[in-house]
Amino acid sequence: MIKYDYQNSIGFVINRIGKSLINIIDQELRRKFSITFGQWKVLIIIANSDQNITQKDIADKLALEGPTLIPILDKLEKDGFVIRKNDPKDRRINRIYLTERADGFLNDTIECVTQIKKVCLNDLSENDILITKNTLEKMWHNLQDRFSISSSVETRAKGNSSQESNPNLYVRN
């Protein structure tokens, strides 16, 4: 039997940093703001939209099924961060809007995530960061080009430049 040194594989390293980063961001957001990483991503997507985003748009950008998003929106609405309004032209469509309460709150959460990003990138040159980002993008494209994945996740990821999978891309520099 062939042995595979998975701990030194690029996939393992990418997975480890991704999970670690998400876990740390989630812990800090919960501790400081009583919000989860998943809830935060929804707020960021709404904030980055034209403020005329639908529930379906959010689900698509996060590669989530609609029913998975509903409890997240319920909680955000209960906490006063978003409001849902029926589309005036089609009552089956819910449009999601940030409240005034969300504005300052989001700035504080972005500052928190920015600090985590600084820790993560400590002692890395801008060139190292650029090379890493470019390399990872090339790897992603190689996989997309080689394997014909017809899932909606692939379609969403191409349309969003993998933004939803990397929380640091939401953070203003």
N, C-alpha and C. Protein backbone atom coordinates (compact mmCIF):
# COMPACT_ATOMS: atom_id res chain seq x y z
N MET A 1 0.84 -1.18 0.00
CA MET A 1 0.00 0.00 0.00
C MET A 1 0.89 1.25 0.00
N ILE A 2 0.49 2.23 -0.79
CA ILE A 2 1.21 3.49 -0.87
C ILE A 2 0.78 4.38 0.30
N LYS A 3 1.77 4.99 0.94
CA LYS A 3 1.45 5.93 2.02
C LYS A 3 1.38 7.34 1.43
N TYR A 4 0.45 8.12 1.95
CA TYR A 4 0.27 9.48 1.48
C TYR A 4 0.46 10.44 2.65
N ASP A 5 1.41 11.34 2.52
CA ASP A 5 1.72 12.29 3.58
C ASP A 5 0.77 13.49 3.46
N TYR A 6 -0.47 13.30 3.90
CA TYR A 6 -1.49 14.32 3.74
C TYR A 6 -1.16 15.60 4.50
N GLN A 7 -0.46 15.51 5.62
CA GLN A 7 -0.18 16.70 6.42
C GLN A 7 0.77 17.67 5.73
N ASN A 8 1.49 17.20 4.75
CA ASN A 8 2.38 18.08 3.99
C ASN A 8 1.82 18.38 2.59
N SER A 9 0.60 17.98 2.34
CA SER A 9 0.00 18.26 1.04
C SER A 9 -0.55 19.68 1.02
N ILE A 10 -0.56 20.27 -0.16
CA ILE A 10 -1.06 21.64 -0.30
C ILE A 10 -2.53 21.73 0.10
N GLY A 11 -3.29 20.71 -0.25
CA GLY A 11 -4.72 20.71 0.11
C GLY A 11 -4.93 20.74 1.61
N PHE A 12 -4.14 19.98 2.34
CA PHE A 12 -4.26 19.95 3.80
C PHE A 12 -3.91 21.31 4.38
N VAL A 13 -2.84 21.93 3.87
CA VAL A 13 -2.41 23.23 4.39
C VAL A 13 -3.48 24.29 4.11
N ILE A 14 -4.03 24.29 2.90
CA ILE A 14 -5.08 25.25 2.55
C ILE A 14 -6.30 25.04 3.45
N ASN A 15 -6.71 23.80 3.62
CA ASN A 15 -7.86 23.48 4.46
C ASN A 15 -7.62 23.91 5.90
N ARG A 16 -6.43 23.65 6.41
CA ARG A 16 -6.10 23.98 7.81
C ARG A 16 -6.18 25.49 8.05
N ILE A 17 -5.59 26.28 7.17
CA ILE A 17 -5.62 27.73 7.37
C ILE A 17 -7.04 28.26 7.19
N GLY A 18 -7.77 27.74 6.23
CA GLY A 18 -9.14 28.19 6.00
C GLY A 18 -10.02 27.93 7.21
N LYS A 19 -9.96 26.72 7.71
CA LYS A 19 -10.78 26.37 8.88
C LYS A 19 -10.35 27.16 10.11
N SER A 20 -9.06 27.33 10.29
CA SER A 20 -8.55 28.06 11.44
C SER A 20 -9.00 29.52 11.39
N LEU A 21 -8.88 30.14 10.24
CA LEU A 21 -9.27 31.53 10.10
C LEU A 21 -10.77 31.71 10.36
N ILE A 22 -11.58 30.88 9.78
CA ILE A 22 -13.03 30.97 10.00
C ILE A 22 -13.36 30.73 11.46
N ASN A 23 -12.73 29.75 12.08
CA ASN A 23 -12.99 29.45 13.49
C ASN A 23 -12.63 30.64 14.39
N ILE A 24 -11.48 31.25 14.15
CA ILE A 24 -11.04 32.38 14.97
C ILE A 24 -11.96 33.57 14.76
N ILE A 25 -12.31 33.86 13.52
CA ILE A 25 -13.24 34.97 13.25
C ILE A 25 -14.58 34.71 13.93
N ASP A 26 -15.07 33.49 13.81
CA ASP A 26 -16.35 33.14 14.43
C ASP A 26 -16.29 33.33 15.95
N GLN A 27 -15.23 32.85 16.58
CA GLN A 27 -15.10 32.98 18.03
C GLN A 27 -15.05 34.44 18.47
N GLU A 28 -14.28 35.25 17.74
CA GLU A 28 -14.16 36.67 18.10
C GLU A 28 -15.47 37.42 17.87
N LEU A 29 -16.15 37.14 16.76
CA LEU A 29 -17.43 37.80 16.50
C LEU A 29 -18.47 37.41 17.55
N ARG A 30 -18.48 36.14 17.94
CA ARG A 30 -19.41 35.70 18.99
C ARG A 30 -19.08 36.37 20.32
N ARG A 31 -17.80 36.40 20.66
CA ARG A 31 -17.38 36.94 21.95
C ARG A 31 -17.63 38.45 22.05
N LYS A 32 -17.28 39.17 21.01
CA LYS A 32 -17.37 40.63 21.06
C LYS A 32 -18.72 41.19 20.64
N PHE A 33 -19.42 40.47 19.73
CA PHE A 33 -20.63 41.06 19.14
C PHE A 33 -21.85 40.16 19.19
N SER A 34 -21.71 38.96 19.74
CA SER A 34 -22.82 38.00 19.82
C SER A 34 -23.43 37.71 18.44
N ILE A 35 -22.55 37.54 17.46
CA ILE A 35 -22.98 37.22 16.11
C ILE A 35 -22.06 36.13 15.58
N THR A 36 -22.59 35.27 14.72
CA THR A 36 -21.78 34.19 14.16
C THR A 36 -21.13 34.65 12.86
N PHE A 37 -20.14 33.90 12.44
CA PHE A 37 -19.49 34.17 11.16
C PHE A 37 -20.50 34.10 10.03
N GLY A 38 -21.39 33.11 10.07
CA GLY A 38 -22.42 32.97 9.04
C GLY A 38 -23.35 34.18 8.98
N GLN A 39 -23.76 34.68 10.13
CA GLN A 39 -24.60 35.88 10.18
C GLN A 39 -23.84 37.08 9.64
N TRP A 40 -22.58 37.19 10.01
CA TRP A 40 -21.74 38.29 9.57
C TRP A 40 -21.60 38.30 8.04
N LYS A 41 -21.38 37.11 7.46
CA LYS A 41 -21.25 37.03 6.00
C LYS A 41 -22.52 37.53 5.32
N VAL A 42 -23.67 37.21 5.88
CA VAL A 42 -24.93 37.68 5.30
C VAL A 42 -24.99 39.21 5.36
N LEU A 43 -24.64 39.77 6.51
CA LEU A 43 -24.66 41.22 6.64
C LEU A 43 -23.69 41.89 5.66
N ILE A 44 -22.51 41.30 5.49
CA ILE A 44 -21.52 41.86 4.57
C ILE A 44 -22.03 41.80 3.14
N ILE A 45 -22.65 40.71 2.76
CA ILE A 45 -23.20 40.60 1.40
C ILE A 45 -24.27 41.66 1.17
N ILE A 46 -25.13 41.86 2.15
CA ILE A 46 -26.16 42.90 2.01
C ILE A 46 -25.51 44.27 1.93
N ALA A 47 -24.53 44.53 2.79
CA ALA A 47 -23.85 45.82 2.79
C ALA A 47 -23.12 46.08 1.47
N ASN A 48 -22.58 45.05 0.86
CA ASN A 48 -21.86 45.20 -0.40
C ASN A 48 -22.78 45.22 -1.61
N SER A 49 -24.06 45.02 -1.39
CA SER A 49 -25.02 45.03 -2.49
C SER A 49 -25.51 46.45 -2.71
N ASP A 50 -26.39 46.57 -3.65
CA ASP A 50 -26.96 47.89 -3.95
C ASP A 50 -28.16 48.20 -3.04
N GLN A 51 -28.27 47.51 -1.94
CA GLN A 51 -29.39 47.66 -1.00
C GLN A 51 -30.72 47.30 -1.64
N ASN A 52 -30.69 46.51 -2.67
CA ASN A 52 -31.90 46.03 -3.30
C ASN A 52 -31.76 44.54 -3.58
N ILE A 53 -31.22 43.84 -2.60
CA ILE A 53 -30.86 42.43 -2.77
C ILE A 53 -32.02 41.55 -2.29
N THR A 54 -32.19 40.46 -2.98
CA THR A 54 -33.25 39.53 -2.59
C THR A 54 -32.68 38.42 -1.72
N GLN A 55 -33.59 37.74 -1.05
CA GLN A 55 -33.21 36.59 -0.23
C GLN A 55 -32.52 35.55 -1.10
N LYS A 56 -33.04 35.34 -2.31
CA LYS A 56 -32.45 34.36 -3.22
C LYS A 56 -31.04 34.78 -3.64
N ASP A 57 -30.83 36.08 -3.88
CA ASP A 57 -29.49 36.57 -4.25
C ASP A 57 -28.47 36.25 -3.15
N ILE A 58 -28.87 36.48 -1.91
CA ILE A 58 -27.98 36.21 -0.78
C ILE A 58 -27.64 34.72 -0.72
N ALA A 59 -28.67 33.88 -0.84
CA ALA A 59 -28.46 32.43 -0.81
C ALA A 59 -27.51 32.01 -1.93
N ASP A 60 -27.70 32.55 -3.11
CA ASP A 60 -26.83 32.22 -4.25
C ASP A 60 -25.39 32.63 -3.99
N LYS A 61 -25.18 33.83 -3.47
CA LYS A 61 -23.82 34.31 -3.22
C LYS A 61 -23.12 33.50 -2.14
N LEU A 62 -23.88 32.94 -1.22
CA LEU A 62 -23.29 32.12 -0.16
C LEU A 62 -23.29 30.63 -0.49
N ALA A 63 -23.81 30.29 -1.67
CA ALA A 63 -23.92 28.89 -2.07
C ALA A 63 -24.74 28.10 -1.05
N LEU A 64 -25.84 28.70 -0.61
CA LEU A 64 -26.74 28.07 0.36
C LEU A 64 -28.09 27.78 -0.29
N GLU A 65 -28.74 26.78 0.22
CA GLU A 65 -30.13 26.55 -0.16
C GLU A 65 -30.97 27.59 0.56
N GLY A 66 -32.05 28.03 -0.06
CA GLY A 66 -32.92 29.04 0.53
C GLY A 66 -33.35 28.75 1.95
N PRO A 67 -33.81 27.51 2.24
CA PRO A 67 -34.25 27.22 3.61
C PRO A 67 -33.14 27.32 4.66
N THR A 68 -31.89 27.17 4.26
CA THR A 68 -30.77 27.30 5.20
C THR A 68 -30.59 28.75 5.61
N LEU A 69 -30.89 29.66 4.71
CA LEU A 69 -30.71 31.08 4.97
C LEU A 69 -31.80 31.66 5.87
N ILE A 70 -32.99 31.08 5.83
CA ILE A 70 -34.13 31.65 6.56
C ILE A 70 -33.87 31.84 8.05
N PRO A 71 -33.35 30.83 8.79
CA PRO A 71 -33.12 31.08 10.21
C PRO A 71 -32.06 32.14 10.49
N ILE A 72 -31.10 32.28 9.59
CA ILE A 72 -30.08 33.32 9.75
C ILE A 72 -30.74 34.69 9.62
N LEU A 73 -31.57 34.85 8.60
CA LEU A 73 -32.27 36.11 8.41
C LEU A 73 -33.26 36.38 9.54
N ASP A 74 -33.92 35.32 10.01
CA ASP A 74 -34.84 35.47 11.15
C ASP A 74 -34.11 36.07 12.35
N LYS A 75 -32.93 35.53 12.66
CA LYS A 75 -32.14 36.00 13.80
C LYS A 75 -31.67 37.44 13.59
N LEU A 76 -31.19 37.73 12.39
CA LEU A 76 -30.72 39.08 12.10
C LEU A 76 -31.87 40.09 12.16
N GLU A 77 -33.04 39.66 11.74
CA GLU A 77 -34.21 40.54 11.81
C GLU A 77 -34.65 40.74 13.27
N LYS A 78 -34.66 39.67 14.03
CA LYS A 78 -35.02 39.74 15.45
C LYS A 78 -34.07 40.66 16.21
N ASP A 79 -32.79 40.63 15.84
CA ASP A 79 -31.78 41.45 16.52
C ASP A 79 -31.74 42.89 15.98
N GLY A 80 -32.57 43.19 14.99
CA GLY A 80 -32.69 44.55 14.50
C GLY A 80 -31.65 44.97 13.47
N PHE A 81 -31.01 44.01 12.81
CA PHE A 81 -29.99 44.34 11.83
C PHE A 81 -30.52 44.42 10.39
N VAL A 82 -31.57 43.67 10.11
CA VAL A 82 -32.15 43.67 8.76
C VAL A 82 -33.67 43.75 8.85
N ILE A 83 -34.25 44.16 7.74
CA ILE A 83 -35.69 44.06 7.59
C ILE A 83 -35.96 43.41 6.25
N ARG A 84 -37.03 42.64 6.22
CA ARG A 84 -37.46 41.99 4.98
C ARG A 84 -38.71 42.70 4.50
N LYS A 85 -38.75 42.96 3.21
CA LYS A 85 -39.93 43.58 2.62
C LYS A 85 -40.30 42.79 1.37
N ASN A 86 -41.60 42.60 1.19
CA ASN A 86 -42.06 41.97 -0.04
C ASN A 86 -41.79 42.90 -1.21
N ASP A 87 -41.37 42.32 -2.32
CA ASP A 87 -41.18 43.08 -3.54
C ASP A 87 -42.55 43.59 -3.99
N PRO A 88 -42.67 44.86 -4.29
CA PRO A 88 -43.98 45.40 -4.68
C PRO A 88 -44.53 44.80 -5.97
N LYS A 89 -43.64 44.31 -6.83
CA LYS A 89 -44.08 43.73 -8.10
C LYS A 89 -44.34 42.24 -8.02
N ASP A 90 -43.71 41.58 -7.04
CA ASP A 90 -43.88 40.13 -6.89
C ASP A 90 -43.78 39.79 -5.41
N ARG A 91 -44.90 39.53 -4.77
CA ARG A 91 -44.94 39.31 -3.33
C ARG A 91 -44.23 38.03 -2.90
N ARG A 92 -43.88 37.17 -3.85
CA ARG A 92 -43.14 35.95 -3.50
C ARG A 92 -41.67 36.24 -3.23
N ILE A 93 -41.21 37.42 -3.64
CA ILE A 93 -39.81 37.80 -3.50
C ILE A 93 -39.64 38.68 -2.27
N ASN A 94 -38.70 38.31 -1.41
CA ASN A 94 -38.35 39.14 -0.25
C ASN A 94 -37.09 39.92 -0.57
N ARG A 95 -37.13 41.20 -0.35
CA ARG A 95 -35.95 42.05 -0.46
C ARG A 95 -35.45 42.31 0.96
N ILE A 96 -34.13 42.29 1.11
CA ILE A 96 -33.51 42.41 2.43
C ILE A 96 -32.76 43.73 2.50
N TYR A 97 -32.98 44.46 3.61
CA TYR A 97 -32.34 45.76 3.79
C TYR A 97 -31.67 45.81 5.16
N LEU A 98 -30.54 46.48 5.22
CA LEU A 98 -29.88 46.73 6.50
C LEU A 98 -30.61 47.85 7.22
N THR A 99 -30.61 47.78 8.53
CA THR A 99 -31.17 48.85 9.33
C THR A 99 -30.05 49.82 9.71
N GLU A 100 -30.43 50.96 10.27
CA GLU A 100 -29.42 51.91 10.75
C GLU A 100 -28.55 51.27 11.82
N ARG A 101 -29.15 50.41 12.62
CA ARG A 101 -28.39 49.74 13.69
C ARG A 101 -27.22 48.95 13.11
N ALA A 102 -27.40 48.39 11.93
CA ALA A 102 -26.36 47.54 11.32
C ALA A 102 -25.14 48.34 10.87
N ASP A 103 -25.33 49.60 10.51
CA ASP A 103 -24.22 50.38 9.96
C ASP A 103 -23.02 50.48 10.89
N GLY A 104 -23.20 51.06 12.06
CA GLY A 104 -22.10 51.18 13.01
C GLY A 104 -21.61 49.83 13.49
N PHE A 105 -22.55 48.93 13.66
CA PHE A 105 -22.22 47.58 14.09
C PHE A 105 -21.28 46.92 13.10
N LEU A 106 -21.59 47.03 11.81
CA LEU A 106 -20.74 46.43 10.79
C LEU A 106 -19.35 47.03 10.79
N ASN A 107 -19.26 48.34 10.96
CA ASN A 107 -17.93 48.96 11.02
C ASN A 107 -17.10 48.37 12.15
N ASP A 108 -17.72 48.16 13.30
CA ASP A 108 -17.01 47.56 14.44
C ASP A 108 -16.58 46.12 14.15
N THR A 109 -17.46 45.35 13.51
CA THR A 109 -17.12 43.96 13.20
C THR A 109 -16.02 43.89 12.14
N ILE A 110 -16.06 44.79 11.18
CA ILE A 110 -15.03 44.81 10.15
C ILE A 110 -13.68 45.14 10.77
N GLU A 111 -13.67 46.05 11.73
CA GLU A 111 -12.43 46.38 12.43
C GLU A 111 -11.89 45.14 13.16
N CYS A 112 -12.77 44.39 13.78
CA CYS A 112 -12.38 43.16 14.48
C CYS A 112 -11.74 42.17 13.50
N VAL A 113 -12.40 41.95 12.37
CA VAL A 113 -11.88 41.01 11.38
C VAL A 113 -10.59 41.53 10.76
N THR A 114 -10.47 42.82 10.60
CA THR A 114 -9.24 43.42 10.08
C THR A 114 -8.07 43.14 11.01
N GLN A 115 -8.32 43.20 12.31
CA GLN A 115 -7.26 42.90 13.29
C GLN A 115 -6.83 41.44 13.19
N ILE A 116 -7.77 40.54 12.99
CA ILE A 116 -7.45 39.12 12.83
C ILE A 116 -6.62 38.94 11.55
N LYS A 117 -7.02 39.63 10.50
CA LYS A 117 -6.27 39.57 9.24
C LYS A 117 -4.83 40.03 9.45
N LYS A 118 -4.64 41.10 10.21
CA LYS A 118 -3.29 41.60 10.47
C LYS A 118 -2.45 40.55 11.20
N VAL A 119 -3.04 39.88 12.16
CA VAL A 119 -2.33 38.82 12.88
C VAL A 119 -1.97 37.69 11.92
N CYS A 120 -2.91 37.31 11.09
CA CYS A 120 -2.70 36.22 10.13
C CYS A 120 -1.57 36.55 9.15
N LEU A 121 -1.50 37.79 8.73
CA LEU A 121 -0.53 38.18 7.71
C LEU A 121 0.75 38.79 8.28
N ASN A 122 0.89 38.74 9.59
CA ASN A 122 2.07 39.29 10.25
C ASN A 122 3.35 38.69 9.67
N ASP A 123 4.32 39.53 9.43
CA ASP A 123 5.63 39.14 8.91
C ASP A 123 5.59 38.60 7.48
N LEU A 124 4.51 38.84 6.76
CA LEU A 124 4.45 38.47 5.35
C LEU A 124 4.54 39.75 4.53
N SER A 125 5.39 39.71 3.51
CA SER A 125 5.52 40.89 2.65
C SER A 125 4.31 40.98 1.73
N GLU A 126 4.08 42.18 1.22
CA GLU A 126 2.99 42.38 0.25
C GLU A 126 3.20 41.47 -0.96
N ASN A 127 4.45 41.28 -1.36
CA ASN A 127 4.75 40.41 -2.48
C ASN A 127 4.40 38.95 -2.17
N ASP A 128 4.74 38.49 -0.97
CA ASP A 128 4.38 37.12 -0.57
C ASP A 128 2.87 36.93 -0.60
N ILE A 129 2.15 37.92 -0.10
CA ILE A 129 0.68 37.85 -0.07
C ILE A 129 0.13 37.80 -1.49
N LEU A 130 0.65 38.66 -2.37
CA LEU A 130 0.20 38.70 -3.75
C LEU A 130 0.49 37.38 -4.46
N ILE A 131 1.69 36.84 -4.26
CA ILE A 131 2.05 35.56 -4.88
C ILE A 131 1.12 34.45 -4.37
N THR A 132 0.85 34.44 -3.09
CA THR A 132 -0.03 33.41 -2.51
C THR A 132 -1.43 33.51 -3.10
N LYS A 133 -1.98 34.72 -3.14
CA LYS A 133 -3.32 34.91 -3.69
C LYS A 133 -3.37 34.48 -5.15
N ASN A 134 -2.37 34.90 -5.93
CA ASN A 134 -2.34 34.53 -7.36
C ASN A 134 -2.19 33.03 -7.54
N THR A 135 -1.36 32.41 -6.73
CA THR A 135 -1.17 30.96 -6.81
C THR A 135 -2.46 30.21 -6.49
N LEU A 136 -3.13 30.62 -5.43
CA LEU A 136 -4.38 29.97 -5.05
C LEU A 136 -5.46 30.17 -6.12
N GLU A 137 -5.51 31.35 -6.70
CA GLU A 137 -6.47 31.60 -7.79
C GLU A 137 -6.17 30.69 -8.99
N LYS A 138 -4.89 30.55 -9.33
CA LYS A 138 -4.52 29.68 -10.45
C LYS A 138 -4.91 28.23 -10.14
N MET A 139 -4.68 27.81 -8.91
CA MET A 139 -5.05 26.44 -8.52
C MET A 139 -6.56 26.25 -8.66
N TRP A 140 -7.32 27.24 -8.22
CA TRP A 140 -8.78 27.15 -8.32
C TRP A 140 -9.20 27.04 -9.78
N HIS A 141 -8.62 27.90 -10.63
CA HIS A 141 -8.97 27.85 -12.05
C HIS A 141 -8.55 26.53 -12.69
N ASN A 142 -7.40 25.99 -12.31
CA ASN A 142 -6.96 24.69 -12.83
C ASN A 142 -8.01 23.62 -12.55
N LEU A 143 -8.52 23.62 -11.32
CA LEU A 143 -9.55 22.64 -10.97
C LEU A 143 -10.83 22.86 -11.76
N GLN A 144 -11.22 24.11 -11.92
CA GLN A 144 -12.44 24.41 -12.67
C GLN A 144 -12.29 24.00 -14.13
N ASP A 145 -11.11 24.26 -14.70
CA ASP A 145 -10.87 23.93 -16.09
C ASP A 145 -10.79 22.42 -16.32
N ARG A 146 -10.25 21.70 -15.37
CA ARG A 146 -10.02 20.25 -15.53
C ARG A 146 -11.25 19.42 -15.26
N PHE A 147 -12.02 19.80 -14.25
CA PHE A 147 -13.17 19.00 -13.85
C PHE A 147 -14.44 19.76 -14.19
N SER A 148 -15.32 19.09 -14.86
CA SER A 148 -16.58 19.76 -15.22
C SER A 148 -17.57 19.56 -14.08
N ILE A 149 -17.50 20.48 -13.16
CA ILE A 149 -18.38 20.43 -12.01
C ILE A 149 -19.59 21.27 -12.35
N SER A 150 -20.73 20.64 -12.43
CA SER A 150 -21.92 21.38 -12.85
C SER A 150 -22.75 21.85 -11.67
N SER A 151 -22.17 21.82 -10.50
CA SER A 151 -22.94 22.25 -9.32
C SER A 151 -23.14 23.74 -9.32
N SER A 152 -24.14 24.17 -8.63
CA SER A 152 -24.41 25.60 -8.52
C SER A 152 -23.32 26.30 -7.73
N VAL A 153 -22.59 25.56 -6.89
CA VAL A 153 -21.51 26.16 -6.12
C VAL A 153 -20.44 26.68 -7.06
N GLU A 154 -20.10 25.89 -8.09
CA GLU A 154 -19.08 26.33 -9.04
C GLU A 154 -19.54 27.60 -9.74
N THR A 155 -20.76 27.61 -10.19
CA THR A 155 -21.30 28.77 -10.89
C THR A 155 -21.26 29.99 -10.00
N ARG A 156 -21.65 29.83 -8.75
CA ARG A 156 -21.65 30.95 -7.81
C ARG A 156 -20.22 31.42 -7.54
N ALA A 157 -19.31 30.46 -7.37
CA ALA A 157 -17.93 30.83 -7.07
C ALA A 157 -17.31 31.61 -8.22
N LYS A 158 -17.57 31.19 -9.45
CA LYS A 158 -17.03 31.92 -10.60
C LYS A 158 -17.59 33.33 -10.64
N GLY A 159 -18.86 33.46 -10.37
CA GLY A 159 -19.49 34.77 -10.41
C GLY A 159 -19.07 35.68 -9.29
N ASN A 160 -18.57 35.12 -8.21
CA ASN A 160 -18.21 35.92 -7.05
C ASN A 160 -16.73 35.92 -6.75
N SER A 161 -15.93 35.41 -7.67
CA SER A 161 -14.47 35.35 -7.48
C SER A 161 -14.10 34.74 -6.15
N SER A 162 -14.80 33.73 -5.74
CA SER A 162 -14.58 33.01 -4.49
C SER A 162 -14.62 33.92 -3.27
N GLN A 163 -15.28 35.07 -3.38
CA GLN A 163 -15.34 36.03 -2.28
C GLN A 163 -16.01 35.45 -1.05
N GLU A 164 -17.10 34.72 -1.23
CA GLU A 164 -17.81 34.22 -0.07
C GLU A 164 -17.03 33.20 0.72
N SER A 165 -16.09 32.52 0.07
CA SER A 165 -15.33 31.51 0.79
C SER A 165 -14.15 32.10 1.55
N ASN A 166 -13.81 33.34 1.30
CA ASN A 166 -12.68 33.95 1.96
C ASN A 166 -13.11 35.22 2.67
N PRO A 167 -13.28 35.15 3.98
CA PRO A 167 -13.80 36.30 4.70
C PRO A 167 -12.89 37.52 4.63
N ASN A 168 -11.60 37.34 4.39
CA ASN A 168 -10.71 38.49 4.32
C ASN A 168 -10.99 39.35 3.10
N LEU A 169 -11.63 38.79 2.09
CA LEU A 169 -11.93 39.60 0.91
C LEU A 169 -13.01 40.63 1.20
N TYR A 170 -13.77 40.45 2.25
CA TYR A 170 -14.80 41.41 2.62
C TYR A 170 -14.23 42.60 3.35
N VAL A 171 -13.07 42.42 3.91
CA VAL A 171 -12.51 43.41 4.80
C VAL A 171 -11.85 44.51 4.03
N ARG A 172 -12.21 45.73 4.37
CA ARG A 172 -11.59 46.89 3.72
C ARG A 172 -10.15 47.00 4.18
N ASN A 173 -9.27 47.33 3.26
CA ASN A 173 -7.85 47.51 3.62
C ASN A 173 -7.61 48.91 4.13
